[in-house]
mmCIF file of all heavy atoms, coordinates in Angstrom:
data_MODEL
# 
_entry.id   MODEL 
# 
loop_
_atom_site.group_PDB 
_atom_site.id 
_atom_site.type_symbol 
_atom_site.label_atom_id 
_atom_site.label_alt_id 
_atom_site.label_comp_id 
_atom_site.label_asym_id 
_atom_site.label_entity_id 
_atom_site.label_seq_id 
_atom_site.pdbx_PDB_ins_code 
_atom_site.Cartn_x 
_atom_site.Cartn_y 
_atom_site.Cartn_z 
_atom_site.occupancy 
_atom_site.B_iso_or_equiv 
_atom_site.pdbx_formal_charge 
_atom_site.auth_seq_id 
_atom_site.auth_comp_id 
_atom_site.auth_asym_id 
_atom_site.auth_atom_id 
_atom_site.pdbx_PDB_model_num 
ATOM 1   N N   . ALA A 1 1  ? 0.830   -1.208 0.000  1.00 0.00 ? 1  ALA A N   1 
ATOM 2   C CA  . ALA A 1 1  ? 0.000   0.000  0.000  1.00 0.00 ? 1  ALA A CA  1 
ATOM 3   C C   . ALA A 1 1  ? 0.865   1.259  0.000  1.00 0.00 ? 1  ALA A C   1 
ATOM 4   O O   . ALA A 1 1  ? 2.015   1.251  0.438  1.00 0.00 ? 1  ALA A O   1 
ATOM 5   C CB  . ALA A 1 1  ? -0.914  0.001  1.213  1.00 0.00 ? 1  ALA A CB  1 
ATOM 6   N N   . ASN A 1 2  ? 0.294   2.333  -0.494 1.00 0.00 ? 2  ASN A N   1 
ATOM 7   C CA  . ASN A 1 2  ? 0.976   3.631  -0.461 1.00 0.00 ? 2  ASN A CA  1 
ATOM 8   C C   . ASN A 1 2  ? 1.194   4.070  0.983  1.00 0.00 ? 2  ASN A C   1 
ATOM 9   O O   . ASN A 1 2  ? 0.342   3.847  1.841  1.00 0.00 ? 2  ASN A O   1 
ATOM 10  C CB  . ASN A 1 2  ? 0.132   4.678  -1.195 1.00 0.00 ? 2  ASN A CB  1 
ATOM 11  C CG  . ASN A 1 2  ? -0.008  4.372  -2.669 1.00 0.00 ? 2  ASN A CG  1 
ATOM 12  O OD1 . ASN A 1 2  ? 0.944   3.961  -3.321 1.00 0.00 ? 2  ASN A OD1 1 
ATOM 13  N ND2 . ASN A 1 2  ? -1.211  4.569  -3.203 1.00 0.00 ? 2  ASN A ND2 1 
ATOM 14  N N   . ARG A 1 3  ? 2.323   4.689  1.233  1.00 0.00 ? 3  ARG A N   1 
ATOM 15  C CA  . ARG A 1 3  ? 2.647   5.161  2.578  1.00 0.00 ? 3  ARG A CA  1 
ATOM 16  C C   . ARG A 1 3  ? 2.195   6.617  2.756  1.00 0.00 ? 3  ARG A C   1 
ATOM 17  O O   . ARG A 1 3  ? 2.258   7.417  1.824  1.00 0.00 ? 3  ARG A O   1 
ATOM 18  C CB  . ARG A 1 3  ? 4.153   5.066  2.838  1.00 0.00 ? 3  ARG A CB  1 
ATOM 19  C CG  . ARG A 1 3  ? 4.718   3.644  2.779  1.00 0.00 ? 3  ARG A CG  1 
ATOM 20  C CD  . ARG A 1 3  ? 4.147   2.798  3.891  1.00 0.00 ? 3  ARG A CD  1 
ATOM 21  N NE  . ARG A 1 3  ? 4.634   1.432  3.846  1.00 0.00 ? 3  ARG A NE  1 
ATOM 22  C CZ  . ARG A 1 3  ? 5.517   0.920  4.706  1.00 0.00 ? 3  ARG A CZ  1 
ATOM 23  N NH1 . ARG A 1 3  ? 6.015   1.679  5.671  1.00 0.00 ? 3  ARG A NH1 1 
ATOM 24  N NH2 . ARG A 1 3  ? 5.886   -0.335 4.610  1.00 0.00 ? 3  ARG A NH2 1 
ATOM 25  N N   . ALA A 1 4  ? 1.752   6.930  3.957  1.00 0.00 ? 4  ALA A N   1 
ATOM 26  C CA  . ALA A 1 4  ? 1.392   8.311  4.274  1.00 0.00 ? 4  ALA A CA  1 
ATOM 27  C C   . ALA A 1 4  ? 2.650   9.048  4.743  1.00 0.00 ? 4  ALA A C   1 
ATOM 28  O O   . ALA A 1 4  ? 3.293   8.635  5.701  1.00 0.00 ? 4  ALA A O   1 
ATOM 29  C CB  . ALA A 1 4  ? 0.318   8.339  5.365  1.00 0.00 ? 4  ALA A CB  1 
ATOM 30  N N   . ASP A 1 5  ? 3.003   10.104 4.051  1.00 0.00 ? 5  ASP A N   1 
ATOM 31  C CA  . ASP A 1 5  ? 4.165   10.925 4.412  1.00 0.00 ? 5  ASP A CA  1 
ATOM 32  C C   . ASP A 1 5  ? 3.678   12.017 5.366  1.00 0.00 ? 5  ASP A C   1 
ATOM 33  O O   . ASP A 1 5  ? 2.965   12.943 4.958  1.00 0.00 ? 5  ASP A O   1 
ATOM 34  C CB  . ASP A 1 5  ? 4.769   11.542 3.157  1.00 0.00 ? 5  ASP A CB  1 
ATOM 35  C CG  . ASP A 1 5  ? 6.063   12.305 3.440  1.00 0.00 ? 5  ASP A CG  1 
ATOM 36  O OD1 . ASP A 1 5  ? 6.283   12.681 4.619  1.00 0.00 ? 5  ASP A OD1 1 
ATOM 37  O OD2 . ASP A 1 5  ? 6.832   12.535 2.494  1.00 0.00 ? 5  ASP A OD2 1 
ATOM 38  N N   . ILE A 1 6  ? 4.043   11.910 6.643  1.00 0.00 ? 6  ILE A N   1 
ATOM 39  C CA  . ILE A 1 6  ? 3.518   12.846 7.634  1.00 0.00 ? 6  ILE A CA  1 
ATOM 40  C C   . ILE A 1 6  ? 3.930   14.285 7.367  1.00 0.00 ? 6  ILE A C   1 
ATOM 41  O O   . ILE A 1 6  ? 3.284   15.219 7.838  1.00 0.00 ? 6  ILE A O   1 
ATOM 42  C CB  . ILE A 1 6  ? 3.928   12.444 9.068  1.00 0.00 ? 6  ILE A CB  1 
ATOM 43  C CG1 . ILE A 1 6  ? 5.464   12.461 9.220  1.00 0.00 ? 6  ILE A CG1 1 
ATOM 44  C CG2 . ILE A 1 6  ? 3.357   11.094 9.439  1.00 0.00 ? 6  ILE A CG2 1 
ATOM 45  C CD1 . ILE A 1 6  ? 5.907   12.285 10.665 1.00 0.00 ? 6  ILE A CD1 1 
ATOM 46  N N   . PHE A 1 7  ? 5.013   14.475 6.598  1.00 0.00 ? 7  PHE A N   1 
ATOM 47  C CA  . PHE A 1 7  ? 5.466   15.832 6.301  1.00 0.00 ? 7  PHE A CA  1 
ATOM 48  C C   . PHE A 1 7  ? 4.698   16.448 5.132  1.00 0.00 ? 7  PHE A C   1 
ATOM 49  O O   . PHE A 1 7  ? 4.822   17.636 4.852  1.00 0.00 ? 7  PHE A O   1 
ATOM 50  C CB  . PHE A 1 7  ? 6.963   15.840 6.009  1.00 0.00 ? 7  PHE A CB  1 
ATOM 51  C CG  . PHE A 1 7  ? 7.790   15.419 7.197  1.00 0.00 ? 7  PHE A CG  1 
ATOM 52  C CD1 . PHE A 1 7  ? 8.396   14.175 7.229  1.00 0.00 ? 7  PHE A CD1 1 
ATOM 53  C CD2 . PHE A 1 7  ? 7.926   16.263 8.294  1.00 0.00 ? 7  PHE A CD2 1 
ATOM 54  C CE1 . PHE A 1 7  ? 9.142   13.772 8.331  1.00 0.00 ? 7  PHE A CE1 1 
ATOM 55  C CE2 . PHE A 1 7  ? 8.662   15.868 9.399  1.00 0.00 ? 7  PHE A CE2 1 
ATOM 56  C CZ  . PHE A 1 7  ? 9.271   14.620 9.420  1.00 0.00 ? 7  PHE A CZ  1 
ATOM 57  N N   . LYS A 1 8  ? 3.914   15.620 4.456  1.00 0.00 ? 8  LYS A N   1 
ATOM 58  C CA  . LYS A 1 8  ? 3.128   16.121 3.327  1.00 0.00 ? 8  LYS A CA  1 
ATOM 59  C C   . LYS A 1 8  ? 1.625   16.073 3.591  1.00 0.00 ? 8  LYS A C   1 
ATOM 60  O O   . LYS A 1 8  ? 0.840   16.511 2.760  1.00 0.00 ? 8  LYS A O   1 
ATOM 61  C CB  . LYS A 1 8  ? 3.446   15.303 2.068  1.00 0.00 ? 8  LYS A CB  1 
ATOM 62  C CG  . LYS A 1 8  ? 4.883   15.485 1.584  1.00 0.00 ? 8  LYS A CG  1 
ATOM 63  C CD  . LYS A 1 8  ? 5.143   14.693 0.320  1.00 0.00 ? 8  LYS A CD  1 
ATOM 64  C CE  . LYS A 1 8  ? 6.582   14.887 -0.161 1.00 0.00 ? 8  LYS A CE  1 
ATOM 65  N NZ  . LYS A 1 8  ? 6.862   14.099 -1.392 1.00 0.00 ? 8  LYS A NZ  1 
ATOM 66  N N   . ILE A 1 9  ? 1.241   15.542 4.751  1.00 0.00 ? 9  ILE A N   1 
ATOM 67  C CA  . ILE A 1 9  ? -0.180  15.477 5.090  1.00 0.00 ? 9  ILE A CA  1 
ATOM 68  C C   . ILE A 1 9  ? -0.700  16.887 5.349  1.00 0.00 ? 9  ILE A C   1 
ATOM 69  O O   . ILE A 1 9  ? -0.098  17.645 6.108  1.00 0.00 ? 9  ILE A O   1 
ATOM 70  C CB  . ILE A 1 9  ? -0.403  14.592 6.339  1.00 0.00 ? 9  ILE A CB  1 
ATOM 71  C CG1 . ILE A 1 9  ? -0.083  13.127 6.012  1.00 0.00 ? 9  ILE A CG1 1 
ATOM 72  C CG2 . ILE A 1 9  ? -1.843  14.718 6.838  1.00 0.00 ? 9  ILE A CG2 1 
ATOM 73  C CD1 . ILE A 1 9  ? -0.152  12.216 7.224  1.00 0.00 ? 9  ILE A CD1 1 
ATOM 74  N N   . PRO A 1 10 ? -1.805  17.258 4.737  1.00 0.00 ? 10 PRO A N   1 
ATOM 75  C CA  . PRO A 1 10 ? -2.372  18.593 5.008  1.00 0.00 ? 10 PRO A CA  1 
ATOM 76  C C   . PRO A 1 10 ? -2.955  18.658 6.414  1.00 0.00 ? 10 PRO A C   1 
ATOM 77  O O   . PRO A 1 10 ? -3.028  17.645 7.123  1.00 0.00 ? 10 PRO A O   1 
ATOM 78  C CB  . PRO A 1 10 ? -3.473  18.720 3.949  1.00 0.00 ? 10 PRO A CB  1 
ATOM 79  C CG  . PRO A 1 10 ? -3.871  17.300 3.664  1.00 0.00 ? 10 PRO A CG  1 
ATOM 80  C CD  . PRO A 1 10 ? -2.608  16.490 3.780  1.00 0.00 ? 10 PRO A CD  1 
ATOM 81  N N   . ALA A 1 11 ? -3.387  19.817 6.808  1.00 0.00 ? 11 ALA A N   1 
ATOM 82  C CA  . ALA A 1 11 ? -4.022  19.971 8.120  1.00 0.00 ? 11 ALA A CA  1 
ATOM 83  C C   . ALA A 1 11 ? -5.216  19.023 8.220  1.00 0.00 ? 11 ALA A C   1 
ATOM 84  O O   . ALA A 1 11 ? -5.991  18.887 7.273  1.00 0.00 ? 11 ALA A O   1 
ATOM 85  C CB  . ALA A 1 11 ? -4.461  21.418 8.315  1.00 0.00 ? 11 ALA A CB  1 
ATOM 86  N N   . LEU A 1 12 ? -5.337  18.374 9.357  1.00 0.00 ? 12 LEU A N   1 
ATOM 87  C CA  . LEU A 1 12 ? -6.430  17.436 9.564  1.00 0.00 ? 12 LEU A CA  1 
ATOM 88  C C   . LEU A 1 12 ? -7.615  18.172 10.169 1.00 0.00 ? 12 LEU A C   1 
ATOM 89  O O   . LEU A 1 12 ? -7.483  18.830 11.201 1.00 0.00 ? 12 LEU A O   1 
ATOM 90  C CB  . LEU A 1 12 ? -5.974  16.296 10.484 1.00 0.00 ? 12 LEU A CB  1 
ATOM 91  C CG  . LEU A 1 12 ? -4.747  15.506 9.999  1.00 0.00 ? 12 LEU A CG  1 
ATOM 92  C CD1 . LEU A 1 12 ? -4.409  14.401 10.993 1.00 0.00 ? 12 LEU A CD1 1 
ATOM 93  C CD2 . LEU A 1 12 ? -4.998  14.919 8.609  1.00 0.00 ? 12 LEU A CD2 1 
ATOM 94  N N   . THR A 1 13 ? -8.772  18.053 9.529  1.00 0.00 ? 13 THR A N   1 
ATOM 95  C CA  . THR A 1 13 ? -9.955  18.784 9.970  1.00 0.00 ? 13 THR A CA  1 
ATOM 96  C C   . THR A 1 13 ? -11.094 17.822 10.305 1.00 0.00 ? 13 THR A C   1 
ATOM 97  O O   . THR A 1 13 ? -11.149 16.702 9.797  1.00 0.00 ? 13 THR A O   1 
ATOM 98  C CB  . THR A 1 13 ? -10.428 19.755 8.882  1.00 0.00 ? 13 THR A CB  1 
ATOM 99  O OG1 . THR A 1 13 ? -10.760 19.000 7.697  1.00 0.00 ? 13 THR A OG1 1 
ATOM 100 C CG2 . THR A 1 13 ? -9.350  20.766 8.543  1.00 0.00 ? 13 THR A CG2 1 
ATOM 101 N N   . PHE A 1 14 ? -11.999 18.297 11.151 1.00 0.00 ? 14 PHE A N   1 
ATOM 102 C CA  . PHE A 1 14 ? -13.132 17.485 11.588 1.00 0.00 ? 14 PHE A CA  1 
ATOM 103 C C   . PHE A 1 14 ? -14.382 18.356 11.629 1.00 0.00 ? 14 PHE A C   1 
ATOM 104 O O   . PHE A 1 14 ? -14.322 19.518 12.026 1.00 0.00 ? 14 PHE A O   1 
ATOM 105 C CB  . PHE A 1 14 ? -12.857 16.881 12.969 1.00 0.00 ? 14 PHE A CB  1 
ATOM 106 C CG  . PHE A 1 14 ? -11.550 16.142 13.036 1.00 0.00 ? 14 PHE A CG  1 
ATOM 107 C CD1 . PHE A 1 14 ? -10.403 16.771 13.515 1.00 0.00 ? 14 PHE A CD1 1 
ATOM 108 C CD2 . PHE A 1 14 ? -11.453 14.844 12.591 1.00 0.00 ? 14 PHE A CD2 1 
ATOM 109 C CE1 . PHE A 1 14 ? -9.186  16.112 13.550 1.00 0.00 ? 14 PHE A CE1 1 
ATOM 110 C CE2 . PHE A 1 14 ? -10.238 14.167 12.626 1.00 0.00 ? 14 PHE A CE2 1 
ATOM 111 C CZ  . PHE A 1 14 ? -9.108  14.796 13.105 1.00 0.00 ? 14 PHE A CZ  1 
ATOM 112 N N   . ASP A 1 15 ? -15.488 17.772 11.210 1.00 0.00 ? 15 ASP A N   1 
ATOM 113 C CA  . ASP A 1 15 ? -16.725 18.535 11.174 1.00 0.00 ? 15 ASP A CA  1 
ATOM 114 C C   . ASP A 1 15 ? -17.910 17.621 11.469 1.00 0.00 ? 15 ASP A C   1 
ATOM 115 O O   . ASP A 1 15 ? -17.835 16.393 11.283 1.00 0.00 ? 15 ASP A O   1 
ATOM 116 C CB  . ASP A 1 15 ? -16.898 19.178 9.795  1.00 0.00 ? 15 ASP A CB  1 
ATOM 117 C CG  . ASP A 1 15 ? -17.944 20.280 9.787  1.00 0.00 ? 15 ASP A CG  1 
ATOM 118 O OD1 . ASP A 1 15 ? -18.413 20.666 10.878 1.00 0.00 ? 15 ASP A OD1 1 
ATOM 119 O OD2 . ASP A 1 15 ? -18.288 20.748 8.686  1.00 0.00 ? 15 ASP A OD2 1 
ATOM 120 N N   . THR A 1 16 ? -18.992 18.195 11.945 1.00 0.00 ? 16 THR A N   1 
ATOM 121 C CA  . THR A 1 16 ? -20.214 17.446 12.200 1.00 0.00 ? 16 THR A CA  1 
ATOM 122 C C   . THR A 1 16 ? -20.949 17.205 10.886 1.00 0.00 ? 16 THR A C   1 
ATOM 123 O O   . THR A 1 16 ? -21.072 18.128 10.069 1.00 0.00 ? 16 THR A O   1 
ATOM 124 C CB  . THR A 1 16 ? -21.134 18.226 13.159 1.00 0.00 ? 16 THR A CB  1 
ATOM 125 O OG1 . THR A 1 16 ? -20.430 18.483 14.364 1.00 0.00 ? 16 THR A OG1 1 
ATOM 126 C CG2 . THR A 1 16 ? -22.393 17.440 13.461 1.00 0.00 ? 16 THR A CG2 1 
ATOM 127 N N   . PRO A 1 17 ? -21.454 16.005 10.640 1.00 0.00 ? 17 PRO A N   1 
ATOM 128 C CA  . PRO A 1 17 ? -22.214 15.752 9.412  1.00 0.00 ? 17 PRO A CA  1 
ATOM 129 C C   . PRO A 1 17 ? -23.465 16.623 9.339  1.00 0.00 ? 17 PRO A C   1 
ATOM 130 O O   . PRO A 1 17 ? -24.041 16.997 10.356 1.00 0.00 ? 17 PRO A O   1 
ATOM 131 C CB  . PRO A 1 17 ? -22.596 14.276 9.522  1.00 0.00 ? 17 PRO A CB  1 
ATOM 132 C CG  . PRO A 1 17 ? -21.636 13.689 10.504 1.00 0.00 ? 17 PRO A CG  1 
ATOM 133 C CD  . PRO A 1 17 ? -21.311 14.787 11.461 1.00 0.00 ? 17 PRO A CD  1 
ATOM 134 N N   . ASP A 1 18 ? -23.889 16.929 8.123  1.00 0.00 ? 18 ASP A N   1 
ATOM 135 C CA  . ASP A 1 18 ? -25.126 17.670 7.895  1.00 0.00 ? 18 ASP A CA  1 
ATOM 136 C C   . ASP A 1 18 ? -26.267 16.655 7.797  1.00 0.00 ? 18 ASP A C   1 
ATOM 137 O O   . ASP A 1 18 ? -26.565 16.132 6.724  1.00 0.00 ? 18 ASP A O   1 
ATOM 138 C CB  . ASP A 1 18 ? -24.998 18.486 6.604  1.00 0.00 ? 18 ASP A CB  1 
ATOM 139 C CG  . ASP A 1 18 ? -26.229 19.322 6.303  1.00 0.00 ? 18 ASP A CG  1 
ATOM 140 O OD1 . ASP A 1 18 ? -27.256 19.117 6.962  1.00 0.00 ? 18 ASP A OD1 1 
ATOM 141 O OD2 . ASP A 1 18 ? -26.159 20.164 5.384  1.00 0.00 ? 18 ASP A OD2 1 
ATOM 142 N N   . PHE A 1 19 ? -26.895 16.380 8.931  1.00 0.00 ? 19 PHE A N   1 
ATOM 143 C CA  . PHE A 1 19 ? -27.941 15.365 8.988  1.00 0.00 ? 19 PHE A CA  1 
ATOM 144 C C   . PHE A 1 19 ? -29.194 15.771 8.215  1.00 0.00 ? 19 PHE A C   1 
ATOM 145 O O   . PHE A 1 19 ? -29.970 14.911 7.798  1.00 0.00 ? 19 PHE A O   1 
ATOM 146 C CB  . PHE A 1 19 ? -28.315 15.075 10.446 1.00 0.00 ? 19 PHE A CB  1 
ATOM 147 C CG  . PHE A 1 19 ? -27.285 14.320 11.216 1.00 0.00 ? 19 PHE A CG  1 
ATOM 148 C CD1 . PHE A 1 19 ? -26.275 14.990 11.898 1.00 0.00 ? 19 PHE A CD1 1 
ATOM 149 C CD2 . PHE A 1 19 ? -27.307 12.931 11.254 1.00 0.00 ? 19 PHE A CD2 1 
ATOM 150 C CE1 . PHE A 1 19 ? -25.320 14.288 12.620 1.00 0.00 ? 19 PHE A CE1 1 
ATOM 151 C CE2 . PHE A 1 19 ? -26.356 12.221 11.966 1.00 0.00 ? 19 PHE A CE2 1 
ATOM 152 C CZ  . PHE A 1 19 ? -25.359 12.893 12.659 1.00 0.00 ? 19 PHE A CZ  1 
ATOM 153 N N   . ASP A 1 20 ? -29.417 17.062 8.032  1.00 0.00 ? 20 ASP A N   1 
ATOM 154 C CA  . ASP A 1 20 ? -30.621 17.526 7.336  1.00 0.00 ? 20 ASP A CA  1 
ATOM 155 C C   . ASP A 1 20 ? -30.502 17.335 5.827  1.00 0.00 ? 20 ASP A C   1 
ATOM 156 O O   . ASP A 1 20 ? -31.419 16.823 5.182  1.00 0.00 ? 20 ASP A O   1 
ATOM 157 C CB  . ASP A 1 20 ? -30.883 18.998 7.664  1.00 0.00 ? 20 ASP A CB  1 
ATOM 158 C CG  . ASP A 1 20 ? -31.231 19.208 9.126  1.00 0.00 ? 20 ASP A CG  1 
ATOM 159 O OD1 . ASP A 1 20 ? -31.879 18.312 9.711  1.00 0.00 ? 20 ASP A OD1 1 
ATOM 160 O OD2 . ASP A 1 20 ? -30.849 20.248 9.684  1.00 0.00 ? 20 ASP A OD2 1 
ATOM 161 N N   . THR A 1 21 ? -29.367 17.735 5.278  1.00 0.00 ? 21 THR A N   1 
ATOM 162 C CA  . THR A 1 21 ? -29.171 17.588 3.833  1.00 0.00 ? 21 THR A CA  1 
ATOM 163 C C   . THR A 1 21 ? -28.980 16.130 3.447  1.00 0.00 ? 21 THR A C   1 
ATOM 164 O O   . THR A 1 21 ? -29.556 15.652 2.470  1.00 0.00 ? 21 THR A O   1 
ATOM 165 C CB  . THR A 1 21 ? -27.961 18.417 3.370  1.00 0.00 ? 21 THR A CB  1 
ATOM 166 O OG1 . THR A 1 21 ? -28.177 19.793 3.701  1.00 0.00 ? 21 THR A OG1 1 
ATOM 167 C CG2 . THR A 1 21 ? -27.745 18.278 1.873  1.00 0.00 ? 21 THR A CG2 1 
ATOM 168 N N   . PHE A 1 22 ? -28.170 15.424 4.227  1.00 0.00 ? 22 PHE A N   1 
ATOM 169 C CA  . PHE A 1 22 ? -27.853 14.022 3.925  1.00 0.00 ? 22 PHE A CA  1 
ATOM 170 C C   . PHE A 1 22 ? -28.622 13.119 4.892  1.00 0.00 ? 22 PHE A C   1 
ATOM 171 O O   . PHE A 1 22 ? -28.059 12.531 5.819  1.00 0.00 ? 22 PHE A O   1 
ATOM 172 C CB  . PHE A 1 22 ? -26.344 13.803 4.023  1.00 0.00 ? 22 PHE A CB  1 
ATOM 173 C CG  . PHE A 1 22 ? -25.570 14.673 3.074  1.00 0.00 ? 22 PHE A CG  1 
ATOM 174 C CD1 . PHE A 1 22 ? -25.053 15.901 3.487  1.00 0.00 ? 22 PHE A CD1 1 
ATOM 175 C CD2 . PHE A 1 22 ? -25.394 14.303 1.751  1.00 0.00 ? 22 PHE A CD2 1 
ATOM 176 C CE1 . PHE A 1 22 ? -24.362 16.727 2.607  1.00 0.00 ? 22 PHE A CE1 1 
ATOM 177 C CE2 . PHE A 1 22 ? -24.697 15.114 0.861  1.00 0.00 ? 22 PHE A CE2 1 
ATOM 178 C CZ  . PHE A 1 22 ? -24.186 16.333 1.292  1.00 0.00 ? 22 PHE A CZ  1 
ATOM 179 N N   . LYS A 1 23 ? -29.929 13.030 4.661  1.00 0.00 ? 23 LYS A N   1 
ATOM 180 C CA  . LYS A 1 23 ? -30.798 12.380 5.640  1.00 0.00 ? 23 LYS A CA  1 
ATOM 181 C C   . LYS A 1 23 ? -30.680 10.861 5.676  1.00 0.00 ? 23 LYS A C   1 
ATOM 182 O O   . LYS A 1 23 ? -31.247 10.223 6.563  1.00 0.00 ? 23 LYS A O   1 
ATOM 183 C CB  . LYS A 1 23 ? -32.250 12.792 5.423  1.00 0.00 ? 23 LYS A CB  1 
ATOM 184 C CG  . LYS A 1 23 ? -32.865 12.395 4.092  1.00 0.00 ? 23 LYS A CG  1 
ATOM 185 C CD  . LYS A 1 23 ? -34.308 12.910 4.035  1.00 0.00 ? 23 LYS A CD  1 
ATOM 186 C CE  . LYS A 1 23 ? -34.983 12.539 2.730  1.00 0.00 ? 23 LYS A CE  1 
ATOM 187 N NZ  . LYS A 1 23 ? -36.389 13.034 2.686  1.00 0.00 ? 23 LYS A NZ  1 
ATOM 188 N N   . CYS A 1 24 ? -29.937 10.273 4.735  1.00 0.00 ? 24 CYS A N   1 
ATOM 189 C CA  . CYS A 1 24 ? -29.719 8.820  4.789  1.00 0.00 ? 24 CYS A CA  1 
ATOM 190 C C   . CYS A 1 24 ? -29.044 8.409  6.097  1.00 0.00 ? 24 CYS A C   1 
ATOM 191 O O   . CYS A 1 24 ? -29.274 7.312  6.596  1.00 0.00 ? 24 CYS A O   1 
ATOM 192 C CB  . CYS A 1 24 ? -28.878 8.360  3.608  1.00 0.00 ? 24 CYS A CB  1 
ATOM 193 S SG  . CYS A 1 24 ? -29.809 8.176  2.072  1.00 0.00 ? 24 CYS A SG  1 
ATOM 194 N N   . LEU A 1 25 ? -28.212 9.279  6.619  1.00 0.00 ? 25 LEU A N   1 
ATOM 195 C CA  . LEU A 1 25 ? -27.516 8.971  7.866  1.00 0.00 ? 25 LEU A CA  1 
ATOM 196 C C   . LEU A 1 25 ? -28.513 8.802  9.002  1.00 0.00 ? 25 LEU A C   1 
ATOM 197 O O   . LEU A 1 25 ? -28.435 7.836  9.783  1.00 0.00 ? 25 LEU A O   1 
ATOM 198 C CB  . LEU A 1 25 ? -26.520 10.089 8.179  1.00 0.00 ? 25 LEU A CB  1 
ATOM 199 C CG  . LEU A 1 25 ? -25.471 9.860  9.265  1.00 0.00 ? 25 LEU A CG  1 
ATOM 200 C CD1 . LEU A 1 25 ? -24.727 8.553  9.061  1.00 0.00 ? 25 LEU A CD1 1 
ATOM 201 C CD2 . LEU A 1 25 ? -24.495 11.027 9.304  1.00 0.00 ? 25 LEU A CD2 1 
ATOM 202 N N   . ASN A 1 26 ? -29.472 9.702  9.104  1.00 0.00 ? 26 ASN A N   1 
ATOM 203 C CA  . ASN A 1 26 ? -30.505 9.588  10.134 1.00 0.00 ? 26 ASN A CA  1 
ATOM 204 C C   . ASN A 1 26 ? -31.429 8.402  9.891  1.00 0.00 ? 26 ASN A C   1 
ATOM 205 O O   . ASN A 1 26 ? -31.890 7.757  10.828 1.00 0.00 ? 26 ASN A O   1 
ATOM 206 C CB  . ASN A 1 26 ? -31.338 10.879 10.189 1.00 0.00 ? 26 ASN A CB  1 
ATOM 207 C CG  . ASN A 1 26 ? -30.846 11.830 11.272 1.00 0.00 ? 26 ASN A CG  1 
ATOM 208 O OD1 . ASN A 1 26 ? -30.236 11.408 12.247 1.00 0.00 ? 26 ASN A OD1 1 
ATOM 209 N ND2 . ASN A 1 26 ? -31.101 13.107 11.088 1.00 0.00 ? 26 ASN A ND2 1 
# 
């Protein structure tokens, strides 16, 4: 498998899913 280069990884971000728009999740 391809290796993850920690020096090239972009900023890691996290967000809450949009349950209203993507209602399949609910």
